[in-house]
């Protein structure tokens, strides 16, 4: 009797199991046809670039290594395990990167592309005269 009950439970479970392997692939849905030039999926005729292959195999370029070291230093100095995207952008700007070319990404009409001069300041850690005046005001208020 117990054997029949177990078989019935097993068959009920089997009827309720959904095999997702044969279903619709979410990447094939209409919303995912938007191409940004960020796709990393590989398939026939799509090979990894030398830039990606070297990093995947543990052989970093000098550029990748200095970025990793800068992020690591930022995390240690600021006591952060997970820096925000703003923090990452700050590190990138302080490394000397500037947006001097038009984007190779297609982000649609959601964003407006822009460029800046190669010698422009990073704009992330400069103290302006207004900041100094605010500090002076705070010191006078505290006294």
N, C-alpha and C. Protein backbone atom coordinates (compact mmCIF):
# COMPACT_ATOMS: atom_id res chain seq x y z
N UNK A 1 0.82 -1.19 0.00
CA UNK A 1 0.00 0.00 0.00
C UNK A 1 0.87 1.26 0.00
N UNK A 2 1.90 1.27 0.84
CA UNK A 2 2.79 2.43 0.90
C UNK A 2 3.51 2.63 -0.43
N UNK A 3 3.81 1.52 -1.13
CA UNK A 3 4.47 1.60 -2.42
C UNK A 3 3.60 2.30 -3.45
N UNK A 4 2.31 2.00 -3.46
CA UNK A 4 1.39 2.63 -4.40
C UNK A 4 1.28 4.13 -4.13
N UNK A 5 1.27 4.50 -2.84
CA UNK A 5 1.18 5.90 -2.46
C UNK A 5 2.41 6.67 -2.94
N UNK A 6 3.59 6.09 -2.75
CA UNK A 6 4.83 6.73 -3.20
C UNK A 6 4.85 6.89 -4.71
N UNK A 7 4.39 5.86 -5.45
CA UNK A 7 4.35 5.95 -6.90
C UNK A 7 3.39 7.04 -7.35
N UNK A 8 2.26 7.17 -6.65
CA UNK A 8 1.29 8.20 -7.01
C UNK A 8 1.88 9.59 -6.77
N UNK A 9 2.58 9.79 -5.64
CA UNK A 9 3.21 11.08 -5.35
C UNK A 9 4.27 11.41 -6.40
N UNK A 10 5.04 10.42 -6.79
CA UNK A 10 6.08 10.63 -7.79
C UNK A 10 5.47 11.04 -9.12
N UNK A 11 4.42 10.36 -9.54
CA UNK A 11 3.81 10.71 -10.83
C UNK A 11 3.16 12.08 -10.76
N UNK A 12 2.60 12.48 -9.62
CA UNK A 12 2.03 13.83 -9.47
C UNK A 12 3.12 14.88 -9.62
N UNK A 13 4.28 14.62 -9.02
CA UNK A 13 5.39 15.55 -9.13
C UNK A 13 5.87 15.67 -10.57
N UNK A 14 5.97 14.54 -11.24
CA UNK A 14 6.44 14.54 -12.62
C UNK A 14 5.51 15.34 -13.52
N UNK A 15 4.21 15.29 -13.24
CA UNK A 15 3.24 16.04 -14.04
C UNK A 15 3.39 17.55 -13.82
N UNK A 16 3.85 17.95 -12.65
CA UNK A 16 3.97 19.36 -12.32
C UNK A 16 5.33 19.95 -12.67
N UNK A 17 6.27 19.13 -13.09
CA UNK A 17 7.60 19.61 -13.43
C UNK A 17 7.55 20.30 -14.79
N UNK A 18 8.15 21.47 -14.85
CA UNK A 18 8.22 22.21 -16.11
C UNK A 18 9.66 22.14 -16.61
N UNK A 19 9.82 21.62 -17.80
CA UNK A 19 11.16 21.53 -18.39
C UNK A 19 11.44 22.83 -19.12
N UNK A 20 12.29 23.67 -18.55
CA UNK A 20 12.57 24.99 -19.13
C UNK A 20 13.58 24.91 -20.27
N UNK A 21 14.24 23.79 -20.40
CA UNK A 21 15.24 23.66 -21.45
C UNK A 21 14.64 23.75 -22.84
N UNK A 22 13.41 23.33 -23.00
CA UNK A 22 12.77 23.33 -24.31
C UNK A 22 11.87 24.53 -24.53
N UNK A 23 11.83 25.43 -23.56
CA UNK A 23 10.91 26.56 -23.63
C UNK A 23 11.47 27.74 -24.39
N UNK A 24 10.82 28.88 -24.22
CA UNK A 24 11.22 30.11 -24.88
C UNK A 24 12.45 30.66 -24.20
N UNK A 25 13.43 31.03 -24.99
CA UNK A 25 14.65 31.62 -24.47
C UNK A 25 14.40 33.11 -24.27
N UNK A 26 14.58 33.61 -23.06
CA UNK A 26 14.29 35.01 -22.76
C UNK A 26 15.13 35.97 -23.61
N UNK A 27 16.27 35.50 -24.08
CA UNK A 27 17.11 36.36 -24.91
C UNK A 27 16.53 36.55 -26.31
N UNK A 28 15.59 35.66 -26.67
CA UNK A 28 14.96 35.76 -27.99
C UNK A 28 13.71 36.62 -27.98
N UNK A 29 13.31 37.11 -26.82
CA UNK A 29 12.10 37.93 -26.73
C UNK A 29 12.31 39.25 -27.44
N UNK A 30 11.21 39.91 -27.81
CA UNK A 30 11.26 41.14 -28.61
C UNK A 30 12.08 42.24 -27.93
N UNK A 31 12.03 42.35 -26.62
CA UNK A 31 12.74 43.42 -25.92
C UNK A 31 14.24 43.29 -25.96
N UNK A 32 14.75 42.10 -26.24
CA UNK A 32 16.20 41.90 -26.22
C UNK A 32 16.85 42.05 -27.59
N UNK A 33 16.11 42.52 -28.59
CA UNK A 33 16.69 42.70 -29.92
C UNK A 33 17.45 44.01 -30.02
N UNK A 34 17.40 44.84 -29.00
CA UNK A 34 18.10 46.12 -28.96
C UNK A 34 19.59 45.85 -28.83
N UNK A 35 20.36 46.21 -29.82
CA UNK A 35 21.80 45.95 -29.83
C UNK A 35 22.55 47.18 -29.33
N UNK A 36 23.45 46.98 -28.36
CA UNK A 36 24.20 48.08 -27.77
C UNK A 36 25.68 48.06 -28.11
N UNK A 37 26.17 46.97 -28.67
CA UNK A 37 27.58 46.74 -28.91
C UNK A 37 28.29 46.33 -27.62
N UNK A 38 27.52 45.85 -26.64
CA UNK A 38 28.08 45.35 -25.39
C UNK A 38 27.91 43.84 -25.26
N UNK A 39 27.24 43.21 -26.21
CA UNK A 39 26.94 41.79 -26.12
C UNK A 39 28.23 40.98 -26.15
N UNK A 40 28.31 40.02 -25.25
CA UNK A 40 29.50 39.18 -25.18
C UNK A 40 29.23 37.75 -25.61
N UNK A 41 27.99 37.46 -25.97
CA UNK A 41 27.65 36.10 -26.35
C UNK A 41 28.46 35.68 -27.57
N UNK A 42 28.96 34.48 -27.50
CA UNK A 42 29.75 33.96 -28.61
C UNK A 42 28.93 32.95 -29.37
N UNK A 43 29.21 32.83 -30.59
CA UNK A 43 28.54 31.86 -31.43
C UNK A 43 29.38 31.63 -32.66
N UNK A 44 28.81 30.99 -33.65
CA UNK A 44 29.57 30.75 -34.87
C UNK A 44 30.05 32.07 -35.48
N UNK A 45 31.33 32.15 -35.73
CA UNK A 45 31.89 33.34 -36.36
C UNK A 45 32.20 34.48 -35.41
N UNK A 46 31.91 34.33 -34.13
CA UNK A 46 32.20 35.38 -33.14
C UNK A 46 33.29 34.89 -32.22
N UNK A 47 34.43 35.49 -32.30
CA UNK A 47 35.55 35.10 -31.45
C UNK A 47 35.85 36.20 -30.45
N UNK A 48 36.45 35.80 -29.35
CA UNK A 48 36.84 36.79 -28.35
C UNK A 48 37.98 37.64 -28.90
N UNK A 49 37.99 38.90 -28.52
CA UNK A 49 39.09 39.76 -28.93
C UNK A 49 40.32 39.39 -28.11
N UNK A 50 41.49 39.79 -28.58
CA UNK A 50 42.71 39.53 -27.82
C UNK A 50 42.64 40.20 -26.45
N UNK A 51 41.97 41.37 -26.39
CA UNK A 51 41.80 42.10 -25.14
C UNK A 51 41.05 41.24 -24.13
N UNK A 52 39.95 40.64 -24.55
CA UNK A 52 39.14 39.80 -23.66
C UNK A 52 39.82 38.46 -23.38
N UNK A 53 40.43 37.86 -24.39
CA UNK A 53 41.04 36.55 -24.23
C UNK A 53 42.17 36.61 -23.20
N UNK A 54 43.00 37.63 -23.28
CA UNK A 54 44.11 37.76 -22.34
C UNK A 54 43.61 37.90 -20.91
N UNK A 55 42.59 38.72 -20.71
CA UNK A 55 42.05 38.92 -19.36
C UNK A 55 41.40 37.64 -18.84
N UNK A 56 40.67 36.93 -19.69
CA UNK A 56 40.02 35.69 -19.28
C UNK A 56 41.03 34.62 -18.89
N UNK A 57 42.18 34.65 -19.53
CA UNK A 57 43.21 33.66 -19.25
C UNK A 57 44.18 34.10 -18.17
N UNK A 58 43.94 35.24 -17.55
CA UNK A 58 44.76 35.71 -16.44
C UNK A 58 45.98 36.51 -16.85
N UNK A 59 46.10 36.83 -18.12
CA UNK A 59 47.22 37.65 -18.58
C UNK A 59 46.69 39.04 -18.88
N UNK A 60 46.80 39.93 -17.91
CA UNK A 60 46.26 41.27 -18.08
C UNK A 60 47.20 42.17 -18.85
N UNK A 61 46.60 43.10 -19.56
CA UNK A 61 47.40 44.14 -20.19
C UNK A 61 47.82 45.12 -19.11
N UNK A 62 48.72 46.00 -19.43
CA UNK A 62 49.16 47.01 -18.47
C UNK A 62 47.97 47.89 -18.06
N UNK A 63 47.12 48.20 -19.03
CA UNK A 63 45.94 49.02 -18.76
C UNK A 63 44.99 48.33 -17.78
N UNK A 64 44.73 47.05 -17.99
CA UNK A 64 43.85 46.31 -17.09
C UNK A 64 44.46 46.20 -15.70
N UNK A 65 45.77 45.96 -15.62
CA UNK A 65 46.44 45.79 -14.34
C UNK A 65 46.40 47.08 -13.53
N UNK A 66 46.69 48.22 -14.15
CA UNK A 66 46.69 49.47 -13.40
C UNK A 66 45.27 49.82 -12.93
N UNK A 67 44.26 49.48 -13.73
CA UNK A 67 42.88 49.72 -13.31
C UNK A 67 42.53 48.87 -12.09
N UNK A 68 42.88 47.59 -12.12
CA UNK A 68 42.61 46.70 -10.98
C UNK A 68 43.33 47.20 -9.74
N UNK A 69 44.59 47.61 -9.89
CA UNK A 69 45.36 48.10 -8.75
C UNK A 69 44.76 49.40 -8.20
N UNK A 70 44.29 50.28 -9.09
CA UNK A 70 43.69 51.54 -8.64
C UNK A 70 42.39 51.29 -7.90
N UNK A 71 41.56 50.38 -8.39
CA UNK A 71 40.30 50.05 -7.70
C UNK A 71 40.61 49.43 -6.35
N UNK A 72 41.59 48.53 -6.30
CA UNK A 72 41.97 47.90 -5.04
C UNK A 72 42.46 48.94 -4.04
N UNK A 73 43.29 49.87 -4.48
CA UNK A 73 43.78 50.93 -3.59
C UNK A 73 42.63 51.79 -3.09
N UNK A 74 41.70 52.13 -3.98
CA UNK A 74 40.54 52.93 -3.60
C UNK A 74 39.73 52.21 -2.51
N UNK A 75 39.52 50.91 -2.69
CA UNK A 75 38.75 50.15 -1.70
C UNK A 75 39.46 50.11 -0.36
N UNK A 76 40.79 49.91 -0.38
CA UNK A 76 41.54 49.86 0.88
C UNK A 76 41.54 51.19 1.60
N UNK A 77 41.80 52.27 0.87
CA UNK A 77 41.89 53.60 1.47
C UNK A 77 40.55 54.05 2.04
N UNK A 78 39.47 53.70 1.38
CA UNK A 78 38.15 54.14 1.80
C UNK A 78 37.38 53.10 2.61
N UNK A 79 37.99 51.96 2.86
CA UNK A 79 37.35 50.92 3.67
C UNK A 79 36.08 50.37 3.03
N UNK A 80 36.08 50.24 1.72
CA UNK A 80 34.91 49.75 1.00
C UNK A 80 35.17 48.38 0.41
N UNK A 81 34.20 47.51 0.50
CA UNK A 81 34.30 46.22 -0.16
C UNK A 81 33.76 46.32 -1.58
N UNK A 82 32.67 47.07 -1.73
CA UNK A 82 32.01 47.21 -3.02
C UNK A 82 31.86 48.68 -3.37
N UNK A 83 32.76 49.23 -4.20
CA UNK A 83 32.61 50.64 -4.59
C UNK A 83 31.38 50.83 -5.48
N UNK A 84 30.79 52.01 -5.41
CA UNK A 84 29.65 52.32 -6.26
C UNK A 84 30.15 52.60 -7.67
N UNK A 85 29.23 52.69 -8.63
CA UNK A 85 29.63 53.02 -10.01
C UNK A 85 30.21 54.42 -10.06
N UNK A 86 29.73 55.32 -9.22
CA UNK A 86 30.30 56.66 -9.16
C UNK A 86 31.74 56.60 -8.68
N UNK A 87 32.02 55.74 -7.70
CA UNK A 87 33.39 55.55 -7.22
C UNK A 87 34.28 55.02 -8.33
N UNK A 88 33.78 54.05 -9.09
CA UNK A 88 34.56 53.47 -10.19
C UNK A 88 34.85 54.55 -11.24
N UNK A 89 33.86 55.36 -11.55
CA UNK A 89 34.06 56.44 -12.52
C UNK A 89 35.09 57.45 -12.00
N UNK A 90 35.06 57.72 -10.69
CA UNK A 90 36.04 58.63 -10.10
C UNK A 90 37.46 58.09 -10.29
N UNK A 91 37.64 56.79 -10.03
CA UNK A 91 38.96 56.17 -10.20
C UNK A 91 39.39 56.26 -11.66
N UNK A 92 38.48 55.98 -12.57
CA UNK A 92 38.79 56.03 -14.01
C UNK A 92 39.23 57.44 -14.40
N UNK A 93 38.50 58.45 -13.92
CA UNK A 93 38.86 59.84 -14.24
C UNK A 93 40.22 60.20 -13.65
N UNK A 94 40.50 59.74 -12.43
CA UNK A 94 41.77 60.04 -11.79
C UNK A 94 42.94 59.32 -12.45
N UNK A 95 42.65 58.21 -13.13
CA UNK A 95 43.69 57.52 -13.90
C UNK A 95 44.05 58.28 -15.17
N UNK A 96 43.24 59.28 -15.51
CA UNK A 96 43.55 60.10 -16.67
C UNK A 96 42.64 59.88 -17.87
N UNK A 97 41.65 59.03 -17.72
CA UNK A 97 40.75 58.77 -18.85
C UNK A 97 39.77 59.93 -19.02
N UNK A 98 39.58 60.34 -20.27
CA UNK A 98 38.63 61.39 -20.62
C UNK A 98 37.81 60.93 -21.81
N UNK A 99 36.63 61.44 -21.94
CA UNK A 99 35.74 61.08 -23.05
C UNK A 99 36.05 61.98 -24.23
N UNK A 100 36.98 61.55 -25.06
CA UNK A 100 37.44 62.38 -26.18
C UNK A 100 36.89 61.93 -27.53
N UNK A 101 36.22 60.79 -27.56
CA UNK A 101 35.68 60.27 -28.83
C UNK A 101 34.19 60.00 -28.67
N UNK A 102 33.51 59.94 -29.79
CA UNK A 102 32.11 59.55 -29.77
C UNK A 102 32.01 58.10 -29.32
N UNK A 103 30.90 57.76 -28.71
CA UNK A 103 30.71 56.42 -28.18
C UNK A 103 30.56 55.39 -29.29
N UNK A 104 31.08 54.19 -29.04
CA UNK A 104 30.91 53.07 -29.96
C UNK A 104 29.66 52.28 -29.59
N UNK A 105 29.01 52.67 -28.50
CA UNK A 105 27.80 51.99 -28.03
C UNK A 105 26.57 52.63 -28.62
N UNK A 106 25.55 51.81 -28.82
CA UNK A 106 24.27 52.32 -29.28
C UNK A 106 23.30 52.22 -28.11
N UNK A 107 23.13 53.31 -27.38
CA UNK A 107 22.25 53.32 -26.22
C UNK A 107 20.89 53.93 -26.54
N UNK A 108 20.65 54.15 -27.81
CA UNK A 108 19.36 54.67 -28.23
C UNK A 108 19.18 56.13 -27.87
N UNK A 109 17.95 56.55 -27.81
CA UNK A 109 17.65 57.95 -27.54
C UNK A 109 17.61 58.27 -26.05
N UNK A 110 17.94 57.29 -25.21
CA UNK A 110 17.89 57.51 -23.76
C UNK A 110 19.00 58.40 -23.27
N UNK A 111 20.11 58.46 -23.99
CA UNK A 111 21.25 59.27 -23.55
C UNK A 111 21.77 60.10 -24.71
N UNK A 112 22.39 61.21 -24.36
CA UNK A 112 23.00 62.07 -25.37
C UNK A 112 24.51 61.93 -25.26
N UNK A 113 25.15 61.61 -26.37
CA UNK A 113 26.60 61.43 -26.38
C UNK A 113 27.29 62.79 -26.31
N UNK A 114 28.50 62.82 -25.78
CA UNK A 114 29.26 64.06 -25.64
C UNK A 114 30.74 63.71 -25.66
N UNK A 115 31.57 64.71 -25.82
CA UNK A 115 33.02 64.55 -25.75
C UNK A 115 33.62 65.70 -24.97
N UNK A 116 34.87 65.56 -24.59
CA UNK A 116 35.57 66.63 -23.87
C UNK A 116 37.01 66.68 -24.37
N UNK A 117 37.71 67.74 -24.01
CA UNK A 117 39.10 67.90 -24.44
C UNK A 117 39.98 66.90 -23.69
N UNK A 118 41.03 66.40 -24.35
CA UNK A 118 41.91 65.41 -23.71
C UNK A 118 42.60 65.94 -22.45
N UNK A 119 42.84 67.24 -22.37
CA UNK A 119 43.54 67.79 -21.22
C UNK A 119 42.59 68.38 -20.17
N UNK A 120 41.30 68.07 -20.25
CA UNK A 120 40.36 68.60 -19.26
C UNK A 120 40.61 67.96 -17.90
N UNK A 121 40.28 68.69 -16.84
CA UNK A 121 40.48 68.21 -15.49
C UNK A 121 39.51 67.08 -15.17
N UNK A 122 39.88 66.25 -14.19
CA UNK A 122 39.02 65.12 -13.85
C UNK A 122 37.71 65.58 -13.23
N UNK A 123 37.75 66.68 -12.48
CA UNK A 123 36.54 67.22 -11.88
C UNK A 123 35.98 66.40 -10.74
N UNK A 124 36.77 65.53 -10.14
CA UNK A 124 36.24 64.70 -9.07
C UNK A 124 36.76 65.07 -7.69
N UNK A 125 37.91 65.73 -7.59
CA UNK A 125 38.43 66.00 -6.25
C UNK A 125 39.04 67.39 -6.12
N UNK A 126 38.59 68.30 -6.94
CA UNK A 126 39.13 69.64 -6.83
C UNK A 126 38.34 70.44 -5.81
N UNK A 127 39.05 71.21 -5.01
CA UNK A 127 38.39 72.11 -4.07
C UNK A 127 38.23 73.45 -4.76
N UNK A 128 37.01 73.89 -4.87
CA UNK A 128 36.74 75.16 -5.53
C UNK A 128 36.70 76.28 -4.49
N UNK A 129 36.70 77.50 -4.97
CA UNK A 129 36.62 78.63 -4.06
C UNK A 129 35.33 78.59 -3.25
N UNK A 130 34.24 78.15 -3.85
CA UNK A 130 32.96 78.05 -3.15
C UNK A 130 33.07 77.06 -2.01
N UNK A 131 33.74 75.91 -2.24
CA UNK A 131 33.93 74.92 -1.19
C UNK A 131 34.74 75.51 -0.03
N UNK A 132 35.80 76.27 -0.36
CA UNK A 132 36.62 76.88 0.68
C UNK A 132 35.82 77.90 1.47
N UNK A 133 34.98 78.68 0.80
CA UNK A 133 34.14 79.65 1.50
C UNK A 133 33.16 78.94 2.42
N UNK A 134 32.60 77.81 1.98
CA UNK A 134 31.69 77.03 2.82
C UNK A 134 32.41 76.51 4.05
N UNK A 135 33.69 76.06 3.88
CA UNK A 135 34.47 75.57 5.01
C UNK A 135 34.74 76.70 6.00
N UNK A 136 35.08 77.89 5.48
CA UNK A 136 35.33 79.04 6.35
C UNK A 136 34.07 79.39 7.13
N UNK A 137 32.92 79.34 6.46
CA UNK A 137 31.64 79.66 7.10
C UNK A 137 31.34 78.66 8.21
N UNK A 138 31.61 77.38 7.97
CA UNK A 138 31.36 76.35 8.97
C UNK A 138 32.29 76.55 10.18
N UNK A 139 33.56 76.93 9.91
CA UNK A 139 34.50 77.16 11.01
C UNK A 139 34.05 78.34 11.85
N UNK A 140 33.58 79.45 11.19
CA UNK A 140 33.12 80.62 11.92
C UNK A 140 31.87 80.29 12.71
N UNK A 141 30.98 79.47 12.16
CA UNK A 141 29.74 79.11 12.85
C UNK A 141 30.02 78.26 14.07
N UNK A 142 31.07 77.44 14.00
CA UNK A 142 31.40 76.55 15.11
C UNK A 142 32.03 77.33 16.27
N UNK A 143 32.64 78.47 15.98
CA UNK A 143 33.35 79.24 17.01
C UNK A 143 32.45 79.97 17.94
